[in-house]
Amino acid sequence: QVQLVESGGGFVQPGGSLRLSCAISGDYYAIGWFRQAPGKEREGVSTISRSTGNIIYADSVKGRFTISNDNAKNTVYLQMNSLEPEDTAVYYCAAGARATLMSQWYDYWGQGTQVTGSS
């Protein structure tokens, strides 16, 4: 059983930054960050493998978002820079068996944290 708790969401002006945290209890192979905007399907944002450090980003966030992990703290971070109104969504972290942006590979999900880009 894996439990995940996200934090760090909030309001941010366009061009601003936020850092999301995902605190994890239990064993996992990969942690993914996903987001879902109102009326849209859930989208994979980034993922990181705990053992290999392999990282994948969605094209929409490359160069702006950075995923990292602190194994000592069992926490994965998502640093989000140059935020745009289109980044507004509920952000979820998830634990799964494969470092992929496809949500079906993830079995455990956090409750989500809201990120709102305000103009």
PDB file of N, CA and C in Angstrom:
ATOM      1  N   GLN A   1       0.848  -1.190   0.000  1.00  0.00           N
ATOM      2  CA  GLN A   1       0.000   0.000   0.000  1.00  0.00           C
ATOM      3  C   GLN A   1       0.888   1.246   0.000  1.00  0.00           C
ATOM      4  N   VAL A   2       0.577   2.195  -0.861  1.00  0.00           N
ATOM      5  CA  VAL A   2       1.329   3.441  -0.965  1.00  0.00           C
ATOM      6  C   VAL A   2       0.366   4.593  -0.716  1.00  0.00           C
ATOM      7  N   GLN A   3       0.792   5.537   0.092  1.00  0.00           N
ATOM      8  CA  GLN A   3      -0.013   6.737   0.330  1.00  0.00           C
ATOM      9  C   GLN A   3       0.763   7.954  -0.142  1.00  0.00           C
ATOM     10  N   LEU A   4       0.055   8.881  -0.770  1.00  0.00           N
ATOM     11  CA  LEU A   4       0.685  10.073  -1.330  1.00  0.00           C
ATOM     12  C   LEU A   4      -0.104  11.309  -0.909  1.00  0.00           C
ATOM     13  N   VAL A   5       0.611  12.349  -0.562  1.00  0.00           N
ATOM     14  CA  VAL A   5      -0.024  13.606  -0.159  1.00  0.00           C
ATOM     15  C   VAL A   5       0.665  14.747  -0.894  1.00  0.00           C
ATOM     16  N   GLU A   6      -0.125  15.463  -1.711  1.00  0.00           N
ATOM     17  CA  GLU A   6       0.405  16.602  -2.448  1.00  0.00           C
ATOM     18  C   GLU A   6       0.247  17.884  -1.631  1.00  0.00           C
ATOM     19  N   SER A   7       1.124  18.825  -1.895  1.00  0.00           N
ATOM     20  CA  SER A   7       1.012  20.154  -1.297  1.00  0.00           C
ATOM     21  C   SER A   7       1.722  21.146  -2.205  1.00  0.00           C
ATOM     22  N   GLY A   8       1.468  22.431  -1.957  1.00  0.00           N
ATOM     23  CA  GLY A   8       2.182  23.472  -2.683  1.00  0.00           C
ATOM     24  C   GLY A   8       1.388  24.196  -3.742  1.00  0.00           C
ATOM     25  N   GLY A   9       0.151  23.795  -3.960  1.00  0.00           N
ATOM     26  CA  GLY A   9      -0.649  24.478  -4.962  1.00  0.00           C
ATOM     27  C   GLY A   9      -1.055  25.873  -4.500  1.00  0.00           C
ATOM     28  N   GLY A  10      -1.663  26.634  -5.413  1.00  0.00           N
ATOM     29  CA  GLY A  10      -2.119  27.970  -5.057  1.00  0.00           C
ATOM     30  C   GLY A  10      -2.377  28.813  -6.284  1.00  0.00           C
ATOM     31  N   PHE A  11      -2.518  30.112  -6.048  1.00  0.00           N
ATOM     32  CA  PHE A  11      -2.723  31.069  -7.124  1.00  0.00           C
ATOM     33  C   PHE A  11      -1.367  31.648  -7.533  1.00  0.00           C
ATOM     34  N   VAL A  12      -1.206  31.855  -8.815  1.00  0.00           N
ATOM     35  CA  VAL A  12       0.038  32.430  -9.294  1.00  0.00           C
ATOM     36  C   VAL A  12      -0.246  33.247 -10.548  1.00  0.00           C
ATOM     37  N   GLN A  13       0.433  34.356 -10.685  1.00  0.00           N
ATOM     38  CA  GLN A  13       0.270  35.181 -11.886  1.00  0.00           C
ATOM     39  C   GLN A  13       1.051  34.578 -13.038  1.00  0.00           C
ATOM     40  N   PRO A  14       0.629  34.868 -14.255  1.00  0.00           N
ATOM     41  CA  PRO A  14       1.372  34.359 -15.419  1.00  0.00           C
ATOM     42  C   PRO A  14       2.850  34.720 -15.332  1.00  0.00           C
ATOM     43  N   GLY A  15       3.682  33.740 -15.609  1.00  0.00           N
ATOM     44  CA  GLY A  15       5.118  33.937 -15.506  1.00  0.00           C
ATOM     45  C   GLY A  15       5.681  33.590 -14.155  1.00  0.00           C
ATOM     46  N   GLY A  16       4.813  33.314 -13.198  1.00  0.00           N
ATOM     47  CA  GLY A  16       5.252  32.993 -11.850  1.00  0.00           C
ATOM     48  C   GLY A  16       5.668  31.541 -11.694  1.00  0.00           C
ATOM     49  N   SER A  17       6.030  31.187 -10.459  1.00  0.00           N
ATOM     50  CA  SER A  17       6.528  29.847 -10.160  1.00  0.00           C
ATOM     51  C   SER A  17       5.827  29.266  -8.937  1.00  0.00           C
ATOM     52  N   LEU A  18       5.741  27.962  -8.916  1.00  0.00           N
ATOM     53  CA  LEU A  18       5.265  27.214  -7.764  1.00  0.00           C
ATOM     54  C   LEU A  18       6.067  25.928  -7.681  1.00  0.00           C
ATOM     55  N   ARG A  19       6.202  25.401  -6.482  1.00  0.00           N
ATOM     56  CA  ARG A  19       6.799  24.075  -6.313  1.00  0.00           C
ATOM     57  C   ARG A  19       5.802  23.183  -5.594  1.00  0.00           C
ATOM     58  N   LEU A  20       5.445  22.106  -6.272  1.00  0.00           N
ATOM     59  CA  LEU A  20       4.572  21.108  -5.681  1.00  0.00           C
ATOM     60  C   LEU A  20       5.410  20.016  -5.021  1.00  0.00           C
ATOM     61  N   SER A  21       4.889  19.501  -3.924  1.00  0.00           N
ATOM     62  CA  SER A  21       5.547  18.397  -3.225  1.00  0.00           C
ATOM     63  C   SER A  21       4.609  17.208  -3.160  1.00  0.00           C
ATOM     64  N   CYS A  22       5.191  16.029  -3.227  1.00  0.00           N
ATOM     65  CA  CYS A  22       4.438  14.783  -3.095  1.00  0.00           C
ATOM     66  C   CYS A  22       5.153  13.953  -2.039  1.00  0.00           C
ATOM     67  N   ALA A  23       4.561  13.870  -0.854  1.00  0.00           N
ATOM     68  CA  ALA A  23       5.117  13.063   0.232  1.00  0.00           C
ATOM     69  C   ALA A  23       4.585  11.647   0.109  1.00  0.00           C
ATOM     70  N   ILE A  24       5.510  10.677   0.149  1.00  0.00           N
ATOM     71  CA  ILE A  24       5.159   9.294  -0.182  1.00  0.00           C
ATOM     72  C   ILE A  24       5.475   8.368   0.998  1.00  0.00           C
ATOM     73  N   SER A  25       4.546   7.494   1.301  1.00  0.00           N
ATOM     74  CA  SER A  25       4.824   6.417   2.255  1.00  0.00           C
ATOM     75  C   SER A  25       4.585   5.094   1.557  1.00  0.00           C
ATOM     76  N   GLY A  26       5.544   4.174   1.699  1.00  0.00           N
ATOM     77  CA  GLY A  26       5.446   2.896   1.019  1.00  0.00           C
ATOM     78  C   GLY A  26       6.464   2.805  -0.103  1.00  0.00           C
ATOM     79  N   ASP A  27       6.565   1.617  -0.670  1.00  0.00           N
ATOM     80  CA  ASP A  27       7.518   1.369  -1.762  1.00  0.00           C
ATOM     81  C   ASP A  27       6.874   1.667  -3.117  1.00  0.00           C
ATOM     82  N   TYR A  28       7.690   2.144  -4.041  1.00  0.00           N
ATOM     83  CA  TYR A  28       7.178   2.454  -5.373  1.00  0.00           C
ATOM     84  C   TYR A  28       8.309   2.380  -6.371  1.00  0.00           C
ATOM     85  N   TYR A  29       7.976   2.231  -7.629  1.00  0.00           N
ATOM     86  CA  TYR A  29       8.982   2.240  -8.685  1.00  0.00           C
ATOM     87  C   TYR A  29       9.090   3.611  -9.338  1.00  0.00           C
ATOM     88  N   ALA A  30       7.951   4.214  -9.606  1.00  0.00           N
ATOM     89  CA  ALA A  30       7.959   5.506 -10.286  1.00  0.00           C
ATOM     90  C   ALA A  30       6.886   6.412  -9.701  1.00  0.00           C
ATOM     91  N   ILE A  31       7.152   7.697  -9.746  1.00  0.00           N
ATOM     92  CA  ILE A  31       6.171   8.705  -9.357  1.00  0.00           C
ATOM     93  C   ILE A  31       5.873   9.581 -10.560  1.00  0.00           C
ATOM     94  N   GLY A  32       4.610   9.759 -10.817  1.00  0.00           N
ATOM     95  CA  GLY A  32       4.200  10.621 -11.915  1.00  0.00           C
ATOM     96  C   GLY A  32       3.385  11.794 -11.413  1.00  0.00           C
ATOM     97  N   TRP A  33       3.517  12.907 -12.111  1.00  0.00           N
ATOM     98  CA  TRP A  33       2.642  14.052 -11.871  1.00  0.00           C
ATOM     99  C   TRP A  33       1.661  14.149 -13.029  1.00  0.00           C
ATOM    100  N   PHE A  34       0.407  14.308 -12.689  1.00  0.00           N
ATOM    101  CA  PHE A  34      -0.659  14.437 -13.675  1.00  0.00           C
ATOM    102  C   PHE A  34      -1.464  15.685 -13.349  1.00  0.00           C
ATOM    103  N   ARG A  35      -2.228  16.153 -14.319  1.00  0.00           N
ATOM    104  CA  ARG A  35      -3.103  17.291 -14.049  1.00  0.00           C
ATOM    105  C   ARG A  35      -4.405  17.120 -14.822  1.00  0.00           C
ATOM    106  N   GLN A  36      -5.439  17.726 -14.271  1.00  0.00           N
ATOM    107  CA  GLN A  36      -6.738  17.682 -14.936  1.00  0.00           C
ATOM    108  C   GLN A  36      -7.398  19.036 -14.794  1.00  0.00           C
ATOM    109  N   ALA A  37      -7.644  19.652 -15.934  1.00  0.00           N
ATOM    110  CA  ALA A  37      -8.342  20.936 -15.971  1.00  0.00           C
ATOM    111  C   ALA A  37      -9.830  20.687 -16.149  1.00  0.00           C
ATOM    112  N   PRO A  38     -10.668  21.635 -15.756  1.00  0.00           N
ATOM    113  CA  PRO A  38     -12.117  21.458 -15.903  1.00  0.00           C
ATOM    114  C   PRO A  38     -12.499  21.152 -17.346  1.00  0.00           C
ATOM    115  N   GLY A  39     -13.281  20.097 -17.511  1.00  0.00           N
ATOM    116  CA  GLY A  39     -13.750  19.736 -18.840  1.00  0.00           C
ATOM    117  C   GLY A  39     -12.735  19.048 -19.724  1.00  0.00           C
ATOM    118  N   LYS A  40     -11.558  18.753 -19.173  1.00  0.00           N
ATOM    119  CA  LYS A  40     -10.508  18.115 -19.970  1.00  0.00           C
ATOM    120  C   LYS A  40     -10.112  16.777 -19.360  1.00  0.00           C
ATOM    121  N   GLU A  41      -9.485  15.939 -20.166  1.00  0.00           N
ATOM    122  CA  GLU A  41      -9.010  14.661 -19.681  1.00  0.00           C
ATOM    123  C   GLU A  41      -7.739  14.846 -18.847  1.00  0.00           C
ATOM    124  N   ARG A  42      -7.486  13.869 -17.992  1.00  0.00           N
ATOM    125  CA  ARG A  42      -6.266  13.892 -17.192  1.00  0.00           C
ATOM    126  C   ARG A  42      -5.054  13.792 -18.111  1.00  0.00           C
ATOM    127  N   GLU A  43      -4.038  14.580 -17.828  1.00  0.00           N
ATOM    128  CA  GLU A  43      -2.850  14.670 -18.678  1.00  0.00           C
ATOM    129  C   GLU A  43      -1.611  14.352 -17.860  1.00  0.00           C
ATOM    130  N   GLY A  44      -0.756  13.502 -18.410  1.00  0.00           N
ATOM    131  CA  GLY A  44       0.526  13.244 -17.772  1.00  0.00           C
ATOM    132  C   GLY A  44       1.454  14.418 -17.963  1.00  0.00           C
ATOM    133  N   VAL A  45       2.080  14.862 -16.878  1.00  0.00           N
ATOM    134  CA  VAL A  45       2.944  16.039 -16.915  1.00  0.00           C
ATOM    135  C   VAL A  45       4.415  15.635 -16.874  1.00  0.00           C
ATOM    136  N   SER A  46       4.758  14.777 -15.911  1.00  0.00           N
ATOM    137  CA  SER A  46       6.140  14.358 -15.770  1.00  0.00           C
ATOM    138  C   SER A  46       6.193  13.107 -14.905  1.00  0.00           C
ATOM    139  N   THR A  47       7.281  12.356 -15.039  1.00  0.00           N
ATOM    140  CA  THR A  47       7.453  11.167 -14.228  1.00  0.00           C
ATOM    141  C   THR A  47       8.931  10.946 -13.961  1.00  0.00           C
ATOM    142  N   ILE A  48       9.216  10.272 -12.843  1.00  0.00           N
ATOM    143  CA  ILE A  48      10.588   9.967 -12.490  1.00  0.00           C
ATOM    144  C   ILE A  48      10.658   8.564 -11.899  1.00  0.00           C
ATOM    145  N   SER A  49      11.668   7.819 -12.333  1.00  0.00           N
ATOM    146  CA  SER A  49      11.898   6.484 -11.794  1.00  0.00           C
ATOM    147  C   SER A  49      12.759   6.597 -10.541  1.00  0.00           C
ATOM    148  N   ARG A  50      12.348   5.898  -9.503  1.00  0.00           N
ATOM    149  CA  ARG A  50      13.088   5.979  -8.240  1.00  0.00           C
ATOM    150  C   ARG A  50      14.448   5.318  -8.359  1.00  0.00           C
ATOM    151  N   SER A  51      14.551   4.219  -9.095  1.00  0.00           N
ATOM    152  CA  SER A  51      15.797   3.458  -9.143  1.00  0.00           C
ATOM    153  C   SER A  51      16.762   3.960 -10.209  1.00  0.00           C
ATOM    154  N   THR A  52      16.241   4.303 -11.380  1.00  0.00           N
ATOM    155  CA  THR A  52      17.136   4.688 -12.478  1.00  0.00           C
ATOM    156  C   THR A  52      17.271   6.195 -12.626  1.00  0.00           C
ATOM    157  N   GLY A  53      16.336   6.942 -12.044  1.00  0.00           N
ATOM    158  CA  GLY A  53      16.341   8.390 -12.218  1.00  0.00           C
ATOM    159  C   GLY A  53      15.845   8.842 -13.571  1.00  0.00           C
ATOM    160  N   ASN A  54      15.326   7.896 -14.371  1.00  0.00           N
ATOM    161  CA  ASN A  54      14.802   8.250 -15.681  1.00  0.00           C
ATOM    162  C   ASN A  54      13.655   9.248 -15.539  1.00  0.00           C
ATOM    163  N   ILE A  55      13.658  10.294 -16.381  1.00  0.00           N
ATOM    164  CA  ILE A  55      12.667  11.369 -16.298  1.00  0.00           C
ATOM    165  C   ILE A  55      12.031  11.573 -17.667  1.00  0.00           C
ATOM    166  N   ILE A  56      10.734  11.812 -17.652  1.00  0.00           N
ATOM    167  CA  ILE A  56       9.996  12.126 -18.875  1.00  0.00           C
ATOM    168  C   ILE A  56       9.146  13.366 -18.611  1.00  0.00           C
ATOM    169  N   TYR A  57       9.075  14.247 -19.595  1.00  0.00           N
ATOM    170  CA  TYR A  57       8.215  15.425 -19.525  1.00  0.00           C
ATOM    171  C   TYR A  57       7.250  15.436 -20.697  1.00  0.00           C
ATOM    172  N   ALA A  58       6.065  15.947 -20.450  1.00  0.00           N
ATOM    173  CA  ALA A  58       5.150  16.225 -21.546  1.00  0.00           C
ATOM    174  C   ALA A  58       5.699  17.407 -22.350  1.00  0.00           C
ATOM    175  N   ASP A  59       5.430  17.418 -23.633  1.00  0.00           N
ATOM    176  CA  ASP A  59       5.932  18.499 -24.490  1.00  0.00           C
ATOM    177  C   ASP A  59       5.449  19.864 -23.998  1.00  0.00           C
ATOM    178  N   SER A  60       4.254  19.900 -23.438  1.00  0.00           N
ATOM    179  CA  SER A  60       3.661  21.160 -23.018  1.00  0.00           C
ATOM    180  C   SER A  60       4.390  21.820 -21.850  1.00  0.00           C
ATOM    181  N   VAL A  61       5.229  21.064 -21.136  1.00  0.00           N
ATOM    182  CA  VAL A  61       5.897  21.630 -19.960  1.00  0.00           C
ATOM    183  C   VAL A  61       7.419  21.582 -20.062  1.00  0.00           C
ATOM    184  N   LYS A  62       7.945  20.998 -21.129  1.00  0.00           N
ATOM    185  CA  LYS A  62       9.402  20.905 -21.284  1.00  0.00           C
ATOM    186  C   LYS A  62      10.032  22.294 -21.237  1.00  0.00           C
ATOM    187  N   GLY A  63      11.102  22.381 -20.473  1.00  0.00           N
ATOM    188  CA  GLY A  63      11.809  23.652 -20.353  1.00  0.00           C
ATOM    189  C   GLY A  63      11.238  24.570 -19.297  1.00  0.00           C
ATOM    190  N   ARG A  64      10.059  24.232 -18.774  1.00  0.00           N
ATOM    191  CA  ARG A  64       9.424  25.071 -17.749  1.00  0.00           C
ATOM    192  C   ARG A  64       9.290  24.341 -16.410  1.00  0.00           C
ATOM    193  N   PHE A  65       9.033  23.040 -16.445  1.00  0.00           N
ATOM    194  CA  PHE A  65       8.824  22.247 -15.239  1.00  0.00           C
ATOM    195  C   PHE A  65      10.030  21.339 -15.024  1.00  0.00           C
ATOM    196  N   THR A  66      10.338  21.101 -13.752  1.00  0.00           N
ATOM    197  CA  THR A  66      11.422  20.197 -13.389  1.00  0.00           C
ATOM    198  C   THR A  66      10.962  19.277 -12.277  1.00  0.00           C
ATOM    199  N   ILE A  67      11.115  17.977 -12.506  1.00  0.00           N
ATOM    200  CA  ILE A  67      10.772  16.992 -11.495  1.00  0.00           C
ATOM    201  C   ILE A  67      12.056  16.541 -10.806  1.00  0.00           C
ATOM    202  N   SER A  68      11.952  16.301  -9.501  1.00  0.00           N
ATOM    203  CA  SER A  68      13.121  15.828  -8.759  1.00  0.00           C
ATOM    204  C   SER A  68      12.640  15.000  -7.580  1.00  0.00           C
ATOM    205  N   ASN A  69      13.549  14.200  -7.032  1.00  0.00           N
ATOM    206  CA  ASN A  69      13.168  13.417  -5.866  1.00  0.00           C
ATOM    207  C   ASN A  69      14.222  13.516  -4.784  1.00  0.00           C
ATOM    208  N   ASP A  70      13.753  13.418  -3.575  1.00  0.00           N
ATOM    209  CA  ASP A  70      14.622  13.379  -2.400  1.00  0.00           C
ATOM    210  C   ASP A  70      14.311  12.070  -1.694  1.00  0.00           C
ATOM    211  N   ASN A  71      15.112  11.042  -1.984  1.00  0.00           N
ATOM    212  CA  ASN A  71      14.823   9.721  -1.430  1.00  0.00           C
ATOM    213  C   ASN A  71      14.910   9.702   0.089  1.00  0.00           C
ATOM    214  N   ALA A  72      15.762  10.533   0.651  1.00  0.00           N
ATOM    215  CA  ALA A  72      15.886  10.573   2.110  1.00  0.00           C
ATOM    216  C   ALA A  72      14.595  11.059   2.762  1.00  0.00           C
ATOM    217  N   LYS A  73      13.904  11.950   2.071  1.00  0.00           N
ATOM    218  CA  LYS A  73      12.644  12.489   2.600  1.00  0.00           C
ATOM    219  C   LYS A  73      11.436  11.794   1.995  1.00  0.00           C
ATOM    220  N   ASN A  74      11.664  10.848   1.095  1.00  0.00           N
ATOM    221  CA  ASN A  74      10.556  10.177   0.396  1.00  0.00           C
ATOM    222  C   ASN A  74       9.585  11.199  -0.190  1.00  0.00           C
ATOM    223  N   THR A  75      10.133  12.164  -0.868  1.00  0.00           N
ATOM    224  CA  THR A  75       9.337  13.241  -1.444  1.00  0.00           C
ATOM    225  C   THR A  75       9.775  13.494  -2.881  1.00  0.00           C
ATOM    226  N   VAL A  76       8.814  13.708  -3.740  1.00  0.00           N
ATOM    227  CA  VAL A  76       9.071  14.083  -5.126  1.00  0.00           C
ATOM    228  C   VAL A  76       8.515  15.485  -5.333  1.00  0.00           C
ATOM    229  N   TYR A  77       9.281  16.304  -6.040  1.00  0.00           N
ATOM    230  CA  TYR A  77       8.910  17.696  -6.253  1.00  0.00           C
ATOM    231  C   TYR A  77       8.630  17.959  -7.735  1.00  0.00           C
ATOM    232  N   LEU A  78       7.783  18.943  -7.966  1.00  0.00           N
ATOM    233  CA  LEU A  78       7.576  19.440  -9.319  1.00  0.00           C
ATOM    234  C   LEU A  78       7.734  20.948  -9.264  1.00  0.00           C
ATOM    235  N   GLN A  79       8.877  21.429  -9.747  1.00  0.00           N
ATOM    236  CA  GLN A  79       9.126  22.861  -9.830  1.00  0.00           C
ATOM    237  C   GLN A  79       8.523  23.380 -11.117  1.00  0.00           C
ATOM    238  N   MET A  80       7.618  24.328 -10.996  1.00  0.00           N
ATOM    239  CA  MET A  80       6.912  24.853 -12.158  1.00  0.00           C
ATOM    240  C   MET A  80       7.267  26.324 -12.324  1.00  0.00           C
ATOM    241  N   ASN A  81       7.906  26.648 -13.420  1.00  0.00           N
ATOM    242  CA  ASN A  81       8.293  28.029 -13.724  1.00  0.00           C
ATOM    243  C   ASN A  81       7.550  28.511 -14.963  1.00  0.00           C
ATOM    244  N   SER A  82       7.557  29.816 -15.163  1.00  0.00           N
ATOM    245  CA  SER A  82       6.916  30.428 -16.336  1.00  0.00           C
ATOM    246  C   SER A  82       5.487  29.919 -16.505  1.00  0.00           C
ATOM    247  N   LEU A  83       4.770  29.912 -15.415  1.00  0.00           N
ATOM    248  CA  LEU A  83       3.407  29.365 -15.452  1.00  0.00           C
ATOM    249  C   LEU A  83       2.502  30.202 -16.351  1.00  0.00           C
ATOM    250  N   GLU A  84       1.612  29.503 -17.010  1.00  0.00           N
ATOM    251  CA  GLU A  84       0.669  30.108 -17.942  1.00  0.00           C
ATOM    252  C   GLU A  84      -0.752  29.806 -17.474  1.00  0.00           C
ATOM    253  N   PRO A  85      -1.722  30.612 -17.890  1.00  0.00           N
ATOM    254  CA  PRO A  85      -3.113  30.300 -17.515  1.00  0.00           C
ATOM    255  C   PRO A  85      -3.522  28.889 -17.925  1.00  0.00           C
ATOM    256  N   GLU A  86      -2.934  28.391 -19.006  1.00  0.00           N
ATOM    257  CA  GLU A  86      -3.267  27.044 -19.469  1.00  0.00           C
ATOM    258  C   GLU A  86      -2.773  25.956 -18.527  1.00  0.00           C
ATOM    259  N   ASP A  87      -1.914  26.298 -17.580  1.00  0.00           N
ATOM    260  CA  ASP A  87      -1.437  25.326 -16.598  1.00  0.00           C
ATOM    261  C   ASP A  87      -2.416  25.145 -15.444  1.00  0.00           C
ATOM    262  N   THR A  88      -3.469  25.939 -15.437  1.00  0.00           N
ATOM    263  CA  THR A  88      -4.477  25.825 -14.378  1.00  0.00           C
ATOM    264  C   THR A  88      -5.117  24.448 -14.401  1.00  0.00           C
ATOM    265  N   ALA A  89      -5.062  23.764 -13.255  1.00  0.00           N
ATOM    266  CA  ALA A  89      -5.588  22.403 -13.165  1.00  0.00           C
ATOM    267  C   ALA A  89      -5.434  21.919 -11.729  1.00  0.00           C
ATOM    268  N   VAL A  90      -6.059  20.787 -11.455  1.00  0.00           N
ATOM    269  CA  VAL A  90      -5.745  20.049 -10.235  1.00  0.00           C
ATOM    270  C   VAL A  90      -4.588  19.121 -10.573  1.00  0.00           C
ATOM    271  N   TYR A  91      -3.539  19.198  -9.778  1.00  0.00           N
ATOM    272  CA  TYR A  91      -2.345  18.392  -9.997  1.00  0.00           C
ATOM    273  C   TYR A  91      -2.334  17.223  -9.010  1.00  0.00           C
ATOM    274  N   TYR A  92      -2.069  16.043  -9.550  1.00  0.00           N
ATOM    275  CA  TYR A  92      -2.033  14.819  -8.762  1.00  0.00           C
ATOM    276  C   TYR A  92      -0.665  14.163  -8.896  1.00  0.00           C
ATOM    277  N   CYS A  93      -0.188  13.572  -7.822  1.00  0.00           N
ATOM    278  CA  CYS A  93       0.952  12.673  -7.951  1.00  0.00           C
ATOM    279  C   CYS A  93       0.438  11.247  -7.773  1.00  0.00           C
ATOM    280  N   ALA A  94       1.147  10.328  -8.398  1.00  0.00           N
ATOM    281  CA  ALA A  94       0.716   8.939  -8.396  1.00  0.00           C
ATOM    282  C   ALA A  94       1.943   8.030  -8.374  1.00  0.00           C
ATOM    283  N   ALA A  95       1.765   6.859  -7.774  1.00  0.00           N
ATOM    284  CA  ALA A  95       2.835   5.867  -7.707  1.00  0.00           C
ATOM    285  C   ALA A  95       2.477   4.692  -8.594  1.00  0.00           C
ATOM    286  N   GLY A  96       3.447   4.242  -9.360  1.00  0.00           N
ATOM    287  CA  GLY A  96       3.171   3.159 -10.285  1.00  0.00           C
ATOM    288  C   GLY A  96       4.365   2.275 -10.553  1.00  0.00           C
ATOM    289  N   ALA A  97       4.140   1.302 -11.429  1.00  0.00           N
ATOM    290  CA  ALA A  97       5.145   0.280 -11.724  1.00  0.00           C
ATOM    291  C   ALA A  97       6.022   0.633 -12.912  1.00  0.00           C
ATOM    292  N   ARG A  98       5.760   1.763 -13.526  1.00  0.00           N
ATOM    293  CA  ARG A  98       6.505   2.124 -14.727  1.00  0.00           C
ATOM    294  C   ARG A  98       6.563   3.642 -14.831  1.00  0.00           C
ATOM    295  N   ALA A  99       7.721   4.154 -15.223  1.00  0.00           N
ATOM    296  CA  ALA A  99       7.874   5.592 -15.428  1.00  0.00           C
ATOM    297  C   ALA A  99       7.335   5.941 -16.809  1.00  0.00           C
ATOM    298  N   THR A 100       6.084   6.343 -16.822  1.00  0.00           N
ATOM    299  CA  THR A 100       5.399   6.647 -18.066  1.00  0.00           C
ATOM    300  C   THR A 100       4.396   7.758 -17.801  1.00  0.00           C
ATOM    301  N   LEU A 101       3.962   8.437 -18.862  1.00  0.00           N
ATOM    302  CA  LEU A 101       2.941   9.471 -18.720  1.00  0.00           C
ATOM    303  C   LEU A 101       1.536   8.909 -18.914  1.00  0.00           C
ATOM    304  N   MET A 102       1.444   7.605 -19.029  1.00  0.00           N
ATOM    305  CA  MET A 102       0.147   6.962 -19.206  1.00  0.00           C
ATOM    306  C   MET A 102      -0.422   6.581 -17.850  1.00  0.00           C
ATOM    307  N   SER A 103      -1.563   7.130 -17.496  1.00  0.00           N
ATOM    308  CA  SER A 103      -2.093   7.011 -16.141  1.00  0.00           C
ATOM    309  C   SER A 103      -2.462   5.583 -15.759  1.00  0.00           C
ATOM    310  N   GLN A 104      -2.724   4.720 -16.745  1.00  0.00           N
ATOM    311  CA  GLN A 104      -3.165   3.374 -16.390  1.00  0.00           C
ATOM    312  C   GLN A 104      -2.080   2.547 -15.723  1.00  0.00           C
ATOM    313  N   TRP A 105      -0.833   2.991 -15.754  1.00  0.00           N
ATOM    314  CA  TRP A 105       0.253   2.275 -15.101  1.00  0.00           C
ATOM    315  C   TRP A 105       0.392   2.644 -13.617  1.00  0.00           C
ATOM    316  N   TYR A 106      -0.433   3.537 -13.151  1.00  0.00           N
ATOM    317  CA  TYR A 106      -0.312   4.017 -11.773  1.00  0.00           C
ATOM    318  C   TYR A 106      -1.469   3.477 -10.942  1.00  0.00           C
ATOM    319  N   ASP A 107      -1.129   2.945  -9.778  1.00  0.00           N
ATOM    320  CA  ASP A 107      -2.133   2.289  -8.932  1.00  0.00           C
ATOM    321  C   ASP A 107      -2.554   3.140  -7.750  1.00  0.00           C
ATOM    322  N   TYR A 108      -1.712   4.060  -7.316  1.00  0.00           N
ATOM    323  CA  TYR A 108      -1.997   4.839  -6.116  1.00  0.00           C
ATOM    324  C   TYR A 108      -1.930   6.320  -6.458  1.00  0.00           C
ATOM    325  N   TRP A 109      -2.908   7.061  -5.950  1.00  0.00           N
ATOM    326  CA  TRP A 109      -3.050   8.470  -6.287  1.00  0.00           C
ATOM    327  C   TRP A 109      -3.231   9.308  -5.030  1.00  0.00           C
ATOM    328  N   GLY A 110      -2.697  10.521  -5.082  1.00  0.00           N
ATOM    329  CA  GLY A 110      -2.958  11.488  -4.035  1.00  0.00           C
ATOM    330  C   GLY A 110      -4.292  12.170  -4.245  1.00  0.00           C
ATOM    331  N   GLN A 111      -4.615  13.081  -3.353  1.00  0.00           N
ATOM    332  CA  GLN A 111      -5.922  13.736  -3.386  1.00  0.00           C
ATOM    333  C   GLN A 111      -5.937  14.931  -4.329  1.00  0.00           C
ATOM    334  N   GLY A 112      -4.778  15.393  -4.745  1.00  0.00           N
ATOM    335  CA  GLY A 112      -4.695  16.506  -5.679  1.00  0.00           C
ATOM    336  C   GLY A 112      -4.508  17.843  -4.988  1.00  0.00           C
ATOM    337  N   THR A 113      -3.903  18.768  -5.723  1.00  0.00           N
ATOM    338  CA  THR A 113      -3.731  20.132  -5.234  1.00  0.00           C
ATOM    339  C   THR A 113      -4.010  21.093  -6.385  1.00  0.00           C
ATOM    340  N   GLN A 114      -4.744  22.152  -6.106  1.00  0.00           N
ATOM    341  CA  GLN A 114      -5.187  23.077  -7.148  1.00  0.00           C
ATOM    342  C   GLN A 114      -4.101  24.093  -7.470  1.00  0.00           C
ATOM    343  N   VAL A 115      -3.834  24.253  -8.751  1.00  0.00           N
ATOM    344  CA  VAL A 115      -2.953  25.314  -9.244  1.00  0.00           C
ATOM    345  C   VAL A 115      -3.779  26.203 -10.152  1.00  0.00           C
ATOM    346  N   THR A 116      -3.796  27.474  -9.857  1.00  0.00           N
ATOM    347  CA  THR A 116      -4.604  28.418 -10.628  1.00  0.00           C
ATOM    348  C   THR A 116      -3.731  29.563 -11.113  1.00  0.00           C
ATOM    349  N   GLY A 117      -3.660  29.702 -12.428  1.00  0.00           N
ATOM    350  CA  GLY A 117      -2.941  30.818 -13.019  1.00  0.00           C
ATOM    351  C   GLY A 117      -3.903  31.968 -13.205  1.00  0.00           C
ATOM    352  N   SER A 118      -3.723  33.017 -12.459  1.00  0.00           N
ATOM    353  CA  SER A 118      -4.647  34.149 -12.515  1.00  0.00           C
ATOM    354  C   SER A 118      -4.019  35.272 -13.310  1.00  0.00           C
ATOM    355  N   SER A 119      -4.840  35.936 -14.083  1.00  0.00           N
ATOM    356  CA  SER A 119      -4.350  37.052 -14.899  1.00  0.00           C
ATOM    357  C   SER A 119      -4.630  38.373 -14.227  1.00  0.00           C
TER     358      SER A 119
END
